[in-house]
N, C-alpha and C. Protein backbone atom coordinates (compact mmCIF):
# COMPACT_ATOMS: atom_id res chain seq x y z
N MET A 1 -46.72 26.04 -3.90
CA MET A 1 -46.16 25.14 -4.89
C MET A 1 -44.63 25.14 -4.83
N LYS A 2 -44.05 26.32 -4.67
CA LYS A 2 -42.59 26.45 -4.59
C LYS A 2 -42.06 25.71 -3.36
N GLY A 3 -42.77 25.78 -2.24
CA GLY A 3 -42.35 25.11 -1.01
C GLY A 3 -42.36 23.60 -1.16
N ILE A 4 -43.33 23.07 -1.90
CA ILE A 4 -43.41 21.62 -2.13
C ILE A 4 -42.23 21.17 -2.99
N GLN A 5 -41.85 21.97 -3.98
CA GLN A 5 -40.72 21.62 -4.84
C GLN A 5 -39.41 21.62 -4.03
N ILE A 6 -39.24 22.60 -3.18
CA ILE A 6 -38.03 22.67 -2.34
C ILE A 6 -37.99 21.48 -1.39
N LEU A 7 -39.11 21.14 -0.77
CA LEU A 7 -39.19 20.00 0.13
C LEU A 7 -38.88 18.70 -0.61
N LEU A 8 -39.41 18.55 -1.81
CA LEU A 8 -39.16 17.36 -2.61
C LEU A 8 -37.68 17.25 -2.98
N ILE A 9 -37.06 18.37 -3.35
CA ILE A 9 -35.64 18.38 -3.70
C ILE A 9 -34.79 18.02 -2.48
N MET A 10 -35.15 18.55 -1.31
CA MET A 10 -34.40 18.25 -0.09
C MET A 10 -34.49 16.77 0.26
N ILE A 11 -35.64 16.19 0.09
CA ILE A 11 -35.81 14.76 0.37
C ILE A 11 -34.98 13.93 -0.60
N LEU A 12 -35.01 14.29 -1.87
CA LEU A 12 -34.25 13.55 -2.87
C LEU A 12 -32.75 13.68 -2.65
N VAL A 13 -32.29 14.88 -2.29
CA VAL A 13 -30.87 15.09 -2.04
C VAL A 13 -30.42 14.30 -0.81
N SER A 14 -31.25 14.21 0.20
CA SER A 14 -30.87 13.46 1.40
C SER A 14 -30.74 11.97 1.11
N LEU A 15 -31.45 11.48 0.10
CA LEU A 15 -31.33 10.07 -0.27
C LEU A 15 -30.01 9.79 -1.00
N LEU A 16 -29.42 10.81 -1.58
CA LEU A 16 -28.18 10.63 -2.32
C LEU A 16 -26.95 10.53 -1.42
N SER A 17 -27.05 11.04 -0.22
CA SER A 17 -25.88 11.00 0.66
C SER A 17 -25.71 9.61 1.26
N GLY A 18 -24.53 9.34 1.74
CA GLY A 18 -24.28 8.05 2.36
C GLY A 18 -22.87 7.59 2.11
N CYS A 19 -22.57 6.41 2.55
CA CYS A 19 -21.23 5.86 2.43
C CYS A 19 -21.18 4.88 1.27
N TRP A 20 -21.30 5.36 0.08
CA TRP A 20 -21.33 4.49 -1.09
C TRP A 20 -19.99 3.85 -1.35
N GLY A 21 -18.92 4.56 -1.10
CA GLY A 21 -17.59 4.06 -1.42
C GLY A 21 -16.83 3.51 -0.23
N ILE A 22 -17.52 3.13 0.82
CA ILE A 22 -16.84 2.66 2.02
C ILE A 22 -16.13 1.33 1.75
N LYS A 23 -14.93 1.20 2.29
CA LYS A 23 -14.14 -0.02 2.13
C LYS A 23 -13.76 -0.51 3.51
N GLU A 24 -14.09 -1.74 3.81
CA GLU A 24 -13.74 -2.30 5.11
C GLU A 24 -12.26 -2.70 5.10
N ILE A 25 -11.58 -2.50 6.22
CA ILE A 25 -10.14 -2.69 6.24
C ILE A 25 -9.72 -4.13 5.97
N GLN A 26 -10.54 -5.08 6.31
CA GLN A 26 -10.16 -6.47 6.08
C GLN A 26 -10.32 -6.87 4.61
N HIS A 27 -10.89 -5.99 3.78
CA HIS A 27 -11.05 -6.27 2.36
C HIS A 27 -10.10 -5.43 1.51
N GLN A 28 -8.97 -5.02 2.07
CA GLN A 28 -7.94 -4.24 1.39
C GLN A 28 -6.58 -4.82 1.75
N THR A 29 -5.62 -4.65 0.88
CA THR A 29 -4.23 -4.98 1.18
C THR A 29 -3.51 -3.67 1.42
N TYR A 30 -3.12 -3.42 2.66
CA TYR A 30 -2.44 -2.17 3.01
C TYR A 30 -0.93 -2.40 3.01
N ILE A 31 -0.25 -1.78 2.06
CA ILE A 31 1.19 -1.88 1.96
C ILE A 31 1.79 -0.89 2.96
N THR A 32 2.69 -1.39 3.84
CA THR A 32 3.30 -0.53 4.85
C THR A 32 4.77 -0.23 4.56
N ALA A 33 5.40 -1.04 3.70
CA ALA A 33 6.80 -0.80 3.34
C ALA A 33 7.05 -1.38 1.96
N ILE A 34 7.98 -0.75 1.24
CA ILE A 34 8.40 -1.30 -0.05
C ILE A 34 9.91 -1.41 -0.06
N GLY A 35 10.42 -2.31 -0.86
CA GLY A 35 11.85 -2.49 -1.03
C GLY A 35 12.17 -2.52 -2.50
N ILE A 36 13.27 -1.90 -2.89
CA ILE A 36 13.65 -1.83 -4.30
C ILE A 36 15.07 -2.36 -4.46
N ASP A 37 15.21 -3.29 -5.39
CA ASP A 37 16.52 -3.87 -5.70
C ASP A 37 16.67 -3.89 -7.22
N TYR A 38 17.90 -3.84 -7.69
CA TYR A 38 18.17 -3.90 -9.12
C TYR A 38 19.19 -4.99 -9.37
N GLU A 39 18.79 -5.98 -10.16
CA GLU A 39 19.64 -7.13 -10.39
C GLU A 39 19.33 -7.72 -11.76
N ASP A 40 20.34 -8.03 -12.52
CA ASP A 40 20.20 -8.64 -13.86
C ASP A 40 19.28 -7.81 -14.77
N ASP A 41 19.47 -6.50 -14.77
CA ASP A 41 18.70 -5.56 -15.60
C ASP A 41 17.20 -5.58 -15.29
N LEU A 42 16.83 -6.01 -14.10
CA LEU A 42 15.44 -6.02 -13.67
C LEU A 42 15.33 -5.36 -12.30
N TYR A 43 14.26 -4.62 -12.12
CA TYR A 43 13.96 -4.07 -10.80
C TYR A 43 13.14 -5.10 -10.04
N GLN A 44 13.60 -5.40 -8.85
CA GLN A 44 12.88 -6.31 -7.97
C GLN A 44 12.20 -5.44 -6.92
N LEU A 45 10.90 -5.49 -6.87
CA LEU A 45 10.13 -4.68 -5.92
C LEU A 45 9.52 -5.59 -4.87
N TYR A 46 9.78 -5.31 -3.62
CA TYR A 46 9.23 -6.07 -2.51
C TYR A 46 8.20 -5.20 -1.80
N PHE A 47 7.18 -5.82 -1.25
CA PHE A 47 6.24 -5.06 -0.45
C PHE A 47 5.91 -5.82 0.82
N GLN A 48 5.67 -5.04 1.86
CA GLN A 48 5.30 -5.60 3.16
C GLN A 48 3.88 -5.15 3.46
N SER A 49 3.06 -6.09 3.81
CA SER A 49 1.67 -5.79 4.10
C SER A 49 1.28 -6.47 5.40
N LEU A 50 0.31 -5.91 6.05
CA LEU A 50 -0.23 -6.52 7.26
C LEU A 50 -1.62 -7.05 6.97
N SER A 51 -1.95 -8.13 7.60
CA SER A 51 -3.29 -8.69 7.47
C SER A 51 -4.16 -8.07 8.56
N TYR A 52 -5.00 -7.15 8.16
CA TYR A 52 -5.87 -6.49 9.13
C TYR A 52 -7.12 -7.30 9.42
N SER A 53 -7.27 -8.46 8.81
CA SER A 53 -8.46 -9.27 9.09
C SER A 53 -8.49 -9.73 10.54
N SER A 54 -7.30 -9.84 11.16
CA SER A 54 -7.28 -10.23 12.56
C SER A 54 -7.45 -9.04 13.48
N VAL A 55 -7.29 -7.82 12.95
CA VAL A 55 -7.43 -6.62 13.75
C VAL A 55 -8.85 -6.07 13.66
N ALA A 56 -9.46 -6.22 12.51
CA ALA A 56 -10.79 -5.67 12.27
C ALA A 56 -11.81 -6.34 13.19
N LYS A 57 -12.82 -5.58 13.55
CA LYS A 57 -13.86 -6.09 14.42
C LYS A 57 -14.80 -6.99 13.63
N VAL A 58 -15.04 -8.16 14.15
CA VAL A 58 -15.97 -9.07 13.52
C VAL A 58 -17.35 -8.83 14.12
N GLU A 59 -18.36 -8.95 13.31
CA GLU A 59 -19.71 -8.67 13.80
C GLU A 59 -20.08 -9.58 14.95
N GLY A 60 -20.45 -9.00 16.04
CA GLY A 60 -20.95 -9.74 17.18
C GLY A 60 -19.88 -10.38 18.04
N GLY A 61 -18.61 -10.46 17.56
CA GLY A 61 -17.61 -11.18 18.31
C GLY A 61 -16.48 -10.35 18.85
N GLY A 62 -16.35 -9.11 18.42
CA GLY A 62 -15.22 -8.29 18.85
C GLY A 62 -13.98 -8.60 18.05
N ALA A 63 -12.89 -8.00 18.44
CA ALA A 63 -11.64 -8.16 17.70
C ALA A 63 -11.00 -9.51 18.01
N ASP A 64 -10.39 -10.08 17.02
CA ASP A 64 -9.66 -11.34 17.18
C ASP A 64 -8.38 -11.04 17.96
N THR A 65 -8.00 -11.92 18.86
CA THR A 65 -6.85 -11.65 19.71
C THR A 65 -5.54 -12.17 19.12
N THR A 66 -5.59 -12.85 17.98
CA THR A 66 -4.35 -13.34 17.39
C THR A 66 -3.54 -12.18 16.84
N GLU A 67 -2.24 -12.38 16.79
CA GLU A 67 -1.34 -11.34 16.32
C GLU A 67 -1.48 -11.16 14.82
N SER A 68 -1.44 -9.91 14.35
CA SER A 68 -1.55 -9.69 12.92
C SER A 68 -0.29 -10.21 12.23
N ARG A 69 -0.47 -10.85 11.11
CA ARG A 69 0.68 -11.46 10.45
C ARG A 69 1.20 -10.57 9.33
N ILE A 70 2.49 -10.69 9.09
CA ILE A 70 3.16 -9.90 8.06
C ILE A 70 3.15 -10.71 6.77
N ILE A 71 2.86 -10.03 5.68
CA ILE A 71 2.89 -10.66 4.36
C ILE A 71 3.93 -9.92 3.54
N VAL A 72 4.88 -10.65 2.98
CA VAL A 72 5.91 -10.06 2.12
C VAL A 72 5.76 -10.67 0.73
N GLY A 73 5.67 -9.82 -0.26
CA GLY A 73 5.55 -10.27 -1.63
C GLY A 73 6.58 -9.57 -2.50
N SER A 74 6.72 -10.04 -3.72
CA SER A 74 7.68 -9.42 -4.62
C SER A 74 7.24 -9.57 -6.06
N ALA A 75 7.77 -8.71 -6.89
CA ALA A 75 7.54 -8.77 -8.33
C ALA A 75 8.73 -8.11 -9.00
N SER A 76 8.97 -8.47 -10.25
CA SER A 76 10.08 -7.87 -10.97
C SER A 76 9.60 -7.35 -12.31
N GLY A 77 10.37 -6.41 -12.84
CA GLY A 77 10.05 -5.83 -14.13
C GLY A 77 11.21 -5.00 -14.63
N SER A 78 11.16 -4.65 -15.90
CA SER A 78 12.24 -3.85 -16.47
C SER A 78 12.21 -2.41 -15.98
N THR A 79 11.05 -1.97 -15.45
CA THR A 79 10.93 -0.67 -14.80
C THR A 79 10.26 -0.86 -13.45
N ILE A 80 10.37 0.13 -12.60
CA ILE A 80 9.71 0.04 -11.29
C ILE A 80 8.20 0.02 -11.47
N GLU A 81 7.70 0.81 -12.40
CA GLU A 81 6.26 0.86 -12.66
C GLU A 81 5.73 -0.49 -13.13
N GLN A 82 6.52 -1.19 -13.95
CA GLN A 82 6.10 -2.50 -14.44
C GLN A 82 6.03 -3.50 -13.28
N ALA A 83 7.01 -3.47 -12.39
CA ALA A 83 6.99 -4.36 -11.23
C ALA A 83 5.80 -4.04 -10.33
N LEU A 84 5.51 -2.75 -10.17
CA LEU A 84 4.36 -2.33 -9.36
C LEU A 84 3.05 -2.83 -9.99
N GLY A 85 2.96 -2.75 -11.29
CA GLY A 85 1.77 -3.24 -11.99
C GLY A 85 1.58 -4.73 -11.82
N ARG A 86 2.67 -5.47 -11.79
CA ARG A 86 2.57 -6.92 -11.59
C ARG A 86 2.08 -7.26 -10.19
N ILE A 87 2.49 -6.47 -9.21
CA ILE A 87 2.00 -6.68 -7.84
C ILE A 87 0.49 -6.49 -7.81
N GLU A 88 0.01 -5.44 -8.45
CA GLU A 88 -1.43 -5.17 -8.45
C GLU A 88 -2.21 -6.23 -9.22
N GLN A 89 -1.61 -6.83 -10.24
CA GLN A 89 -2.29 -7.86 -11.03
C GLN A 89 -2.50 -9.14 -10.23
N VAL A 90 -1.53 -9.51 -9.40
CA VAL A 90 -1.63 -10.78 -8.69
C VAL A 90 -2.23 -10.65 -7.29
N ALA A 91 -2.42 -9.44 -6.81
CA ALA A 91 -2.98 -9.26 -5.47
C ALA A 91 -4.42 -9.75 -5.44
N GLN A 92 -4.76 -10.48 -4.39
CA GLN A 92 -6.10 -11.02 -4.27
C GLN A 92 -7.11 -9.97 -3.85
N LEU A 93 -6.64 -8.96 -3.12
CA LEU A 93 -7.49 -7.87 -2.67
C LEU A 93 -6.98 -6.56 -3.25
N PRO A 94 -7.81 -5.53 -3.35
CA PRO A 94 -7.32 -4.24 -3.83
C PRO A 94 -6.18 -3.72 -2.97
N VAL A 95 -5.18 -3.12 -3.61
CA VAL A 95 -3.97 -2.66 -2.93
C VAL A 95 -4.08 -1.19 -2.59
N SER A 96 -3.74 -0.84 -1.35
CA SER A 96 -3.71 0.55 -0.91
C SER A 96 -2.29 0.89 -0.48
N TYR A 97 -1.71 1.93 -1.12
CA TYR A 97 -0.34 2.34 -0.82
C TYR A 97 -0.28 3.50 0.17
N SER A 98 -1.40 3.92 0.69
CA SER A 98 -1.43 5.13 1.52
C SER A 98 -0.80 4.96 2.90
N HIS A 99 -0.40 3.76 3.28
CA HIS A 99 0.19 3.53 4.60
C HIS A 99 1.69 3.26 4.54
N ILE A 100 2.32 3.51 3.41
CA ILE A 100 3.76 3.26 3.30
C ILE A 100 4.52 4.27 4.16
N ASN A 101 5.32 3.73 5.07
CA ASN A 101 6.14 4.61 5.91
C ASN A 101 7.61 4.26 5.84
N THR A 102 7.98 3.18 5.13
CA THR A 102 9.37 2.76 5.05
C THR A 102 9.69 2.30 3.63
N ILE A 103 10.88 2.70 3.16
CA ILE A 103 11.36 2.25 1.87
C ILE A 103 12.76 1.69 2.09
N TYR A 104 12.98 0.46 1.64
CA TYR A 104 14.29 -0.18 1.72
C TYR A 104 14.90 -0.22 0.32
N VAL A 105 16.16 0.13 0.21
CA VAL A 105 16.86 0.02 -1.07
C VAL A 105 18.14 -0.78 -0.88
N SER A 106 18.52 -1.50 -1.91
CA SER A 106 19.73 -2.32 -1.87
C SER A 106 20.93 -1.47 -2.30
N PRO A 107 22.14 -1.97 -2.08
CA PRO A 107 23.33 -1.22 -2.51
C PRO A 107 23.38 -0.95 -4.02
N THR A 108 22.78 -1.82 -4.83
CA THR A 108 22.79 -1.59 -6.28
C THR A 108 21.95 -0.37 -6.66
N ILE A 109 20.98 -0.03 -5.85
CA ILE A 109 20.15 1.15 -6.12
C ILE A 109 20.92 2.42 -5.78
N LEU A 110 21.89 2.34 -4.89
CA LEU A 110 22.63 3.52 -4.46
C LEU A 110 23.59 4.05 -5.53
N GLU A 111 23.78 3.29 -6.61
CA GLU A 111 24.59 3.79 -7.72
C GLU A 111 23.87 4.99 -8.33
N GLU A 112 24.64 5.93 -8.85
CA GLU A 112 24.08 7.21 -9.29
C GLU A 112 22.95 7.06 -10.31
N GLN A 113 23.13 6.23 -11.32
CA GLN A 113 22.11 6.07 -12.36
C GLN A 113 20.81 5.51 -11.78
N GLN A 114 20.92 4.47 -10.95
CA GLN A 114 19.73 3.84 -10.38
C GLN A 114 19.05 4.75 -9.36
N MET A 115 19.83 5.45 -8.57
CA MET A 115 19.25 6.34 -7.56
C MET A 115 18.46 7.46 -8.23
N LYS A 116 18.93 7.93 -9.37
CA LYS A 116 18.22 8.96 -10.11
C LYS A 116 16.85 8.46 -10.55
N ILE A 117 16.80 7.22 -11.03
CA ILE A 117 15.53 6.61 -11.48
C ILE A 117 14.59 6.43 -10.29
N VAL A 118 15.12 5.94 -9.18
CA VAL A 118 14.28 5.70 -7.99
C VAL A 118 13.76 7.03 -7.42
N LYS A 119 14.63 8.04 -7.35
CA LYS A 119 14.18 9.35 -6.85
C LYS A 119 13.10 9.94 -7.75
N ASP A 120 13.25 9.77 -9.05
CA ASP A 120 12.24 10.26 -9.98
C ASP A 120 10.91 9.56 -9.76
N PHE A 121 10.96 8.23 -9.58
CA PHE A 121 9.74 7.46 -9.34
C PHE A 121 9.07 7.87 -8.03
N LEU A 122 9.86 7.93 -6.95
CA LEU A 122 9.30 8.26 -5.64
C LEU A 122 8.78 9.70 -5.60
N GLY A 123 9.42 10.60 -6.33
CA GLY A 123 8.97 11.99 -6.38
C GLY A 123 7.64 12.17 -7.09
N ARG A 124 7.35 11.28 -8.02
CA ARG A 124 6.09 11.38 -8.76
C ARG A 124 4.99 10.49 -8.20
N TRP A 125 5.33 9.64 -7.25
CA TRP A 125 4.36 8.70 -6.71
C TRP A 125 3.53 9.40 -5.64
N PRO A 126 2.24 9.57 -5.84
CA PRO A 126 1.43 10.38 -4.92
C PRO A 126 1.07 9.70 -3.61
N PHE A 127 1.40 8.43 -3.44
CA PHE A 127 0.93 7.70 -2.27
C PHE A 127 1.85 7.79 -1.07
N LEU A 128 3.03 8.36 -1.23
CA LEU A 128 3.98 8.40 -0.12
C LEU A 128 3.64 9.49 0.88
N ARG A 129 3.88 9.21 2.12
CA ARG A 129 3.69 10.19 3.19
C ARG A 129 4.88 11.13 3.23
N TYR A 130 4.71 12.26 3.90
CA TYR A 130 5.80 13.21 4.02
C TYR A 130 6.89 12.74 4.98
N ASP A 131 6.55 11.84 5.88
CA ASP A 131 7.51 11.36 6.86
C ASP A 131 7.95 9.92 6.59
N THR A 132 8.20 9.60 5.34
CA THR A 132 8.62 8.27 4.95
C THR A 132 10.11 8.07 5.24
N TRP A 133 10.46 6.92 5.79
CA TRP A 133 11.84 6.59 6.11
C TRP A 133 12.45 5.83 4.93
N LEU A 134 13.71 6.14 4.61
CA LEU A 134 14.44 5.46 3.55
C LEU A 134 15.67 4.81 4.16
N PHE A 135 15.80 3.49 3.97
CA PHE A 135 16.92 2.74 4.53
C PHE A 135 17.67 2.02 3.41
N ALA A 136 18.98 2.14 3.41
CA ALA A 136 19.83 1.34 2.53
C ALA A 136 20.30 0.14 3.35
N VAL A 137 20.10 -1.05 2.82
CA VAL A 137 20.38 -2.27 3.58
C VAL A 137 21.27 -3.21 2.77
N ASP A 138 22.12 -3.96 3.49
CA ASP A 138 22.97 -4.97 2.85
C ASP A 138 22.31 -6.34 2.82
N ASP A 139 21.51 -6.63 3.83
CA ASP A 139 20.84 -7.93 3.92
C ASP A 139 19.73 -8.02 2.88
N PRO A 140 19.28 -9.24 2.56
CA PRO A 140 18.15 -9.39 1.64
C PRO A 140 16.92 -8.64 2.16
N ILE A 141 16.29 -7.88 1.30
CA ILE A 141 15.18 -7.01 1.70
C ILE A 141 14.00 -7.81 2.23
N ASP A 142 13.69 -8.94 1.61
CA ASP A 142 12.54 -9.71 2.07
C ASP A 142 12.73 -10.25 3.48
N GLU A 143 13.97 -10.60 3.85
CA GLU A 143 14.24 -11.06 5.22
C GLU A 143 14.08 -9.93 6.23
N ILE A 144 14.53 -8.75 5.86
CA ILE A 144 14.40 -7.59 6.74
C ILE A 144 12.92 -7.26 6.96
N MET A 145 12.15 -7.36 5.90
CA MET A 145 10.72 -7.04 6.02
C MET A 145 9.99 -8.04 6.92
N LEU A 146 10.42 -9.28 6.93
CA LEU A 146 9.79 -10.26 7.81
C LEU A 146 10.09 -10.00 9.28
N LYS A 147 11.23 -9.38 9.56
CA LYS A 147 11.62 -9.11 10.94
C LYS A 147 11.06 -7.79 11.46
N ASN A 148 10.94 -6.79 10.59
CA ASN A 148 10.50 -5.46 11.00
C ASN A 148 9.11 -5.19 10.47
N ASP A 149 8.17 -5.04 11.38
CA ASP A 149 6.82 -4.72 10.93
C ASP A 149 6.40 -3.33 11.39
N PHE A 150 5.28 -2.90 10.89
CA PHE A 150 4.75 -1.56 11.15
C PHE A 150 4.52 -1.31 12.63
N PHE A 151 4.08 -2.32 13.37
CA PHE A 151 3.78 -2.16 14.77
C PHE A 151 4.94 -2.60 15.65
C-alpha cells in the first residue's frame, strides 16, 4: 500500500513540472539602452529596444533574414520612476529590462543634484547588469539611440 502511494505521488509531481512561465522572445519588449534627460522640471526617459520578431524562429520557416529594427521611445515624468511607469503603461508588449547594457545621460543630469538622484535610482534598480556602460552625450539622446544599436 505504501508503494502505491509513493508511485501515485511521483506521478502527480511529474505532472506539475513543465514550462508554465515560458515567454517567447517575440512577445516581449527587450530594452537594451536607456537615456535620461532633465528639462523643464521633468525627467525625460528614452529607451531603445530591438524587435526580436525578425530574429525569432518562425514555425516551419526558419529565421527571417530581414535586419532587426531599432525602436526608440520616450516618456516624461516629475520623477524617473514616474517616467518609467508611463513607458510600461503604453508598451504594447510586456517590457523586460534585463538586457540593458548602455545608459545615456544629458549634460543637465551631470549637475550634482540631478546626478545624485540618478545614481540613487540606478543603484536601487535591480535590472541593471554589472557591466553597464554610462555615456554622457551632448547630442539628442533619441538620435544617438537610432544610430547605435545593441548589435
